[in-house]
C-alpha cells in the first residue's frame, strides 16, 4: 500500500513474468546449464542496480540542497552589498 492505495492485482504476475524474461535474456538457453551460477548472481546484479539508482538520487539531493544554501546566502547578503 502506497499513499493509501492498494497495489493492483496485475503487479505480482507482472513481476513473475519480468523475472522469467530477465533470466531468459540474460543467459542464453544453450548455456543455461553451464552458467547456472549466473542466475543467483542476477539477483545481486538487480540489487546493485537499485543501490546505484538510490545513490544517484542521494547525490542529486545533496546538489539540490547545496544550491538552496547558496541561494539563501545570496539573499541574506544582497542587502549588505546593495544588489
N, C-alpha and C. Protein backbone atom coordinates (compact mmCIF):
# COMPACT_ATOMS: atom_id res chain seq x y z
N UNK A 1 0.84 -1.17 0.00
CA UNK A 1 0.00 0.00 0.00
C UNK A 1 0.90 1.24 0.00
N UNK A 2 0.69 2.09 -1.00
CA UNK A 2 1.43 3.34 -1.10
C UNK A 2 0.42 4.47 -1.14
N UNK A 3 0.58 5.43 -0.25
CA UNK A 3 -0.32 6.58 -0.17
C UNK A 3 -1.78 6.17 0.00
N UNK A 4 -1.99 5.07 0.71
CA UNK A 4 -3.35 4.61 0.97
C UNK A 4 -4.02 3.91 -0.20
N UNK A 5 -3.26 3.64 -1.26
CA UNK A 5 -3.81 2.97 -2.44
C UNK A 5 -3.25 1.56 -2.51
N UNK A 6 -4.14 0.57 -2.61
CA UNK A 6 -3.69 -0.82 -2.71
C UNK A 6 -3.02 -1.08 -4.05
N UNK A 7 -2.11 -2.05 -4.05
CA UNK A 7 -1.42 -2.43 -5.28
C UNK A 7 -2.38 -3.16 -6.21
N UNK A 8 -2.37 -2.83 -7.51
CA UNK A 8 -3.26 -3.53 -8.45
C UNK A 8 -2.96 -5.02 -8.51
N UNK A 9 -3.93 -5.80 -8.91
CA UNK A 9 -3.81 -7.27 -8.93
C UNK A 9 -2.82 -7.76 -9.97
N UNK A 10 -2.56 -6.99 -11.03
CA UNK A 10 -1.68 -7.46 -12.10
C UNK A 10 -0.20 -7.28 -11.78
N UNK A 11 0.14 -6.66 -10.67
CA UNK A 11 1.54 -6.36 -10.38
C UNK A 11 2.34 -7.62 -10.06
N UNK A 12 1.80 -8.52 -9.24
CA UNK A 12 2.53 -9.74 -8.87
C UNK A 12 2.80 -10.62 -10.09
N UNK A 13 1.80 -10.91 -10.95
CA UNK A 13 2.13 -11.68 -12.17
C UNK A 13 3.12 -10.95 -13.08
N UNK A 14 3.05 -9.63 -13.09
CA UNK A 14 3.98 -8.87 -13.91
C UNK A 14 5.41 -9.04 -13.40
N UNK A 15 5.61 -9.05 -12.08
CA UNK A 15 6.94 -9.28 -11.51
C UNK A 15 7.45 -10.68 -11.86
N UNK A 16 6.57 -11.67 -11.84
CA UNK A 16 6.98 -13.04 -12.17
C UNK A 16 7.40 -13.13 -13.63
N UNK A 17 6.60 -12.54 -14.52
CA UNK A 17 6.96 -12.53 -15.95
C UNK A 17 8.26 -11.78 -16.16
N UNK A 18 8.44 -10.68 -15.46
CA UNK A 18 9.67 -9.90 -15.58
C UNK A 18 10.88 -10.72 -15.15
N UNK A 19 10.77 -11.45 -14.05
CA UNK A 19 11.88 -12.27 -13.58
C UNK A 19 12.22 -13.37 -14.57
N UNK A 20 11.20 -14.02 -15.13
CA UNK A 20 11.45 -15.08 -16.11
C UNK A 20 12.12 -14.51 -17.36
N UNK A 21 11.62 -13.39 -17.86
CA UNK A 21 12.22 -12.77 -19.04
C UNK A 21 13.65 -12.30 -18.77
N UNK A 22 13.88 -11.81 -17.57
CA UNK A 22 15.22 -11.37 -17.20
C UNK A 22 16.21 -12.53 -17.22
N UNK A 23 15.80 -13.67 -16.69
CA UNK A 23 16.67 -14.85 -16.72
C UNK A 23 16.86 -15.34 -18.14
N UNK A 24 15.79 -15.37 -18.93
CA UNK A 24 15.91 -15.87 -20.31
C UNK A 24 16.79 -15.00 -21.18
N UNK A 25 16.73 -13.70 -21.01
CA UNK A 25 17.51 -12.82 -21.87
C UNK A 25 18.89 -12.52 -21.31
N UNK A 26 19.16 -12.87 -20.07
CA UNK A 26 20.49 -12.68 -19.50
C UNK A 26 21.40 -13.84 -19.85
N UNK A 27 20.89 -15.05 -19.71
CA UNK A 27 21.67 -16.25 -20.01
C UNK A 27 21.06 -16.91 -21.24
N UNK A 28 21.83 -17.10 -22.31
CA UNK A 28 21.28 -17.78 -23.49
C UNK A 28 20.82 -19.20 -23.13
N UNK A 29 19.72 -19.67 -23.71
CA UNK A 29 19.20 -21.00 -23.36
C UNK A 29 20.20 -22.13 -23.59
N UNK A 30 21.08 -21.99 -24.58
CA UNK A 30 22.07 -23.04 -24.84
C UNK A 30 23.09 -23.14 -23.71
N UNK A 31 23.36 -22.04 -23.04
CA UNK A 31 24.37 -22.03 -21.98
C UNK A 31 23.76 -22.03 -20.59
N UNK A 32 22.46 -22.27 -20.49
CA UNK A 32 21.78 -22.19 -19.21
C UNK A 32 22.31 -23.22 -18.22
N UNK A 33 22.59 -24.44 -18.68
CA UNK A 33 23.11 -25.47 -17.78
C UNK A 33 24.55 -25.17 -17.37
N UNK A 34 25.33 -24.61 -18.27
CA UNK A 34 26.73 -24.29 -17.96
C UNK A 34 26.82 -23.08 -17.02
N UNK A 35 25.97 -22.11 -17.25
CA UNK A 35 26.04 -20.86 -16.48
C UNK A 35 24.96 -20.80 -15.40
N UNK A 36 24.68 -21.90 -14.76
CA UNK A 36 23.63 -21.95 -13.74
C UNK A 36 23.98 -21.03 -12.56
N UNK A 37 25.25 -20.77 -12.33
CA UNK A 37 25.66 -19.89 -11.23
C UNK A 37 25.30 -18.44 -11.52
N UNK A 38 25.13 -18.10 -12.79
CA UNK A 38 24.82 -16.70 -13.12
C UNK A 38 23.39 -16.31 -12.75
N UNK A 39 22.52 -17.28 -12.55
CA UNK A 39 21.13 -16.95 -12.18
C UNK A 39 21.06 -16.39 -10.76
N UNK A 40 21.68 -17.02 -9.76
CA UNK A 40 21.67 -16.37 -8.43
C UNK A 40 22.42 -15.04 -8.41
N UNK A 41 23.44 -14.93 -9.24
CA UNK A 41 24.17 -13.67 -9.31
C UNK A 41 23.32 -12.57 -9.91
N UNK A 42 22.31 -12.95 -10.68
CA UNK A 42 21.41 -11.99 -11.29
C UNK A 42 20.67 -11.19 -10.22
N UNK A 43 20.31 -11.85 -9.14
CA UNK A 43 19.64 -11.17 -8.03
C UNK A 43 20.54 -10.08 -7.47
N UNK A 44 21.82 -10.40 -7.32
CA UNK A 44 22.76 -9.41 -6.82
C UNK A 44 22.97 -8.27 -7.81
N UNK A 45 22.94 -8.57 -9.10
CA UNK A 45 23.07 -7.53 -10.12
C UNK A 45 21.89 -6.56 -10.08
N UNK A 46 20.69 -7.11 -9.92
CA UNK A 46 19.50 -6.26 -9.83
C UNK A 46 19.56 -5.41 -8.57
N UNK A 47 19.97 -6.01 -7.47
CA UNK A 47 20.10 -5.27 -6.22
C UNK A 47 21.14 -4.16 -6.36
N UNK A 48 22.26 -4.47 -7.01
CA UNK A 48 23.31 -3.48 -7.21
C UNK A 48 22.81 -2.32 -8.07
N UNK A 49 22.02 -2.61 -9.08
CA UNK A 49 21.46 -1.54 -9.92
C UNK A 49 20.52 -0.65 -9.11
N UNK A 50 19.71 -1.26 -8.26
CA UNK A 50 18.81 -0.49 -7.40
C UNK A 50 19.60 0.41 -6.45
N UNK A 51 20.67 -0.13 -5.88
CA UNK A 51 21.51 0.65 -4.98
C UNK A 51 22.16 1.81 -5.71
N UNK A 52 22.57 1.60 -6.96
CA UNK A 52 23.15 2.68 -7.76
C UNK A 52 22.14 3.80 -7.99
N UNK A 53 20.90 3.43 -8.29
CA UNK A 53 19.87 4.45 -8.51
C UNK A 53 19.63 5.25 -7.23
N UNK A 54 19.56 4.56 -6.09
CA UNK A 54 19.37 5.25 -4.81
C UNK A 54 20.55 6.19 -4.54
N UNK A 55 21.75 5.76 -4.86
CA UNK A 55 22.93 6.61 -4.66
C UNK A 55 22.88 7.85 -5.54
N UNK A 56 22.46 7.70 -6.79
CA UNK A 56 22.35 8.87 -7.67
C UNK A 56 21.27 9.83 -7.18
N UNK A 57 20.19 9.31 -6.64
CA UNK A 57 19.15 10.17 -6.07
C UNK A 57 19.71 10.93 -4.88
N UNK A 58 20.52 10.26 -4.06
CA UNK A 58 21.14 10.93 -2.92
C UNK A 58 22.08 12.04 -3.37
N UNK A 59 22.88 11.77 -4.40
CA UNK A 59 23.78 12.80 -4.92
C UNK A 59 23.00 13.98 -5.49
N UNK A 60 21.89 13.71 -6.15
CA UNK A 60 21.05 14.79 -6.66
C UNK A 60 20.51 15.63 -5.51
N UNK A 61 20.09 14.98 -4.42
CA UNK A 61 19.57 15.71 -3.26
C UNK A 61 20.65 16.57 -2.62
N UNK A 62 21.87 16.06 -2.55
CA UNK A 62 22.98 16.84 -1.98
C UNK A 62 23.24 18.07 -2.85
N UNK A 63 23.26 17.89 -4.16
CA UNK A 63 23.47 19.03 -5.05
C UNK A 63 22.34 20.04 -4.96
N UNK A 64 21.12 19.56 -4.85
CA UNK A 64 19.97 20.45 -4.74
C UNK A 64 20.01 21.24 -3.44
N UNK A 65 20.40 20.59 -2.35
CA UNK A 65 20.49 21.30 -1.08
C UNK A 65 21.62 22.32 -1.12
N UNK A 66 22.72 22.01 -1.80
CA UNK A 66 23.81 22.99 -1.94
C UNK A 66 23.35 24.21 -2.71
N UNK A 67 22.55 24.01 -3.73
CA UNK A 67 22.01 25.15 -4.49
C UNK A 67 21.06 25.98 -3.62
N UNK A 68 20.26 25.33 -2.80
CA UNK A 68 19.34 26.05 -1.92
C UNK A 68 20.11 26.85 -0.87
N UNK A 69 21.19 26.29 -0.34
CA UNK A 69 22.01 27.01 0.63
C UNK A 69 22.67 28.21 -0.02
N UNK A 70 23.19 28.04 -1.23
CA UNK A 70 23.82 29.15 -1.94
C UNK A 70 22.81 30.26 -2.22
N UNK A 71 21.61 29.91 -2.59
CA UNK A 71 20.57 30.91 -2.85
C UNK A 71 20.20 31.65 -1.57
N UNK A 72 20.14 30.94 -0.44
CA UNK A 72 19.82 31.57 0.83
C UNK A 72 20.90 32.57 1.23
N UNK A 73 22.17 32.18 1.10
CA UNK A 73 23.26 33.10 1.42
C UNK A 73 23.22 34.31 0.50
N UNK A 74 22.91 34.09 -0.75
CA UNK A 74 22.84 35.20 -1.70
C UNK A 74 21.75 36.19 -1.30
N UNK A 75 20.60 35.67 -0.89
CA UNK A 75 19.51 36.55 -0.45
C UNK A 75 19.85 37.27 0.84
N UNK A 76 20.56 36.60 1.76
CA UNK A 76 20.91 37.24 3.03
C UNK A 76 21.96 38.34 2.83
N UNK A 77 22.88 38.13 1.91
CA UNK A 77 23.96 39.09 1.73
C UNK A 77 23.64 40.18 0.72
N UNK A 78 22.59 40.03 -0.06
CA UNK A 78 22.28 41.05 -1.07
C UNK A 78 21.97 42.42 -0.48
N UNK A 79 21.29 42.55 0.68
CA UNK A 79 21.09 43.89 1.24
C UNK A 79 22.40 44.56 1.68
N UNK A 80 23.38 43.77 2.08
CA UNK A 80 24.66 44.34 2.53
C UNK A 80 25.44 44.96 1.38
N UNK A 81 25.31 44.39 0.21
CA UNK A 81 26.10 44.85 -0.93
C UNK A 81 25.26 45.64 -1.92
N UNK A 82 24.00 45.88 -1.60
CA UNK A 82 23.14 46.73 -2.42
C UNK A 82 22.77 46.17 -3.77
N UNK A 83 22.73 44.89 -3.89
CA UNK A 83 22.33 44.35 -5.19
C UNK A 83 21.08 43.53 -5.09
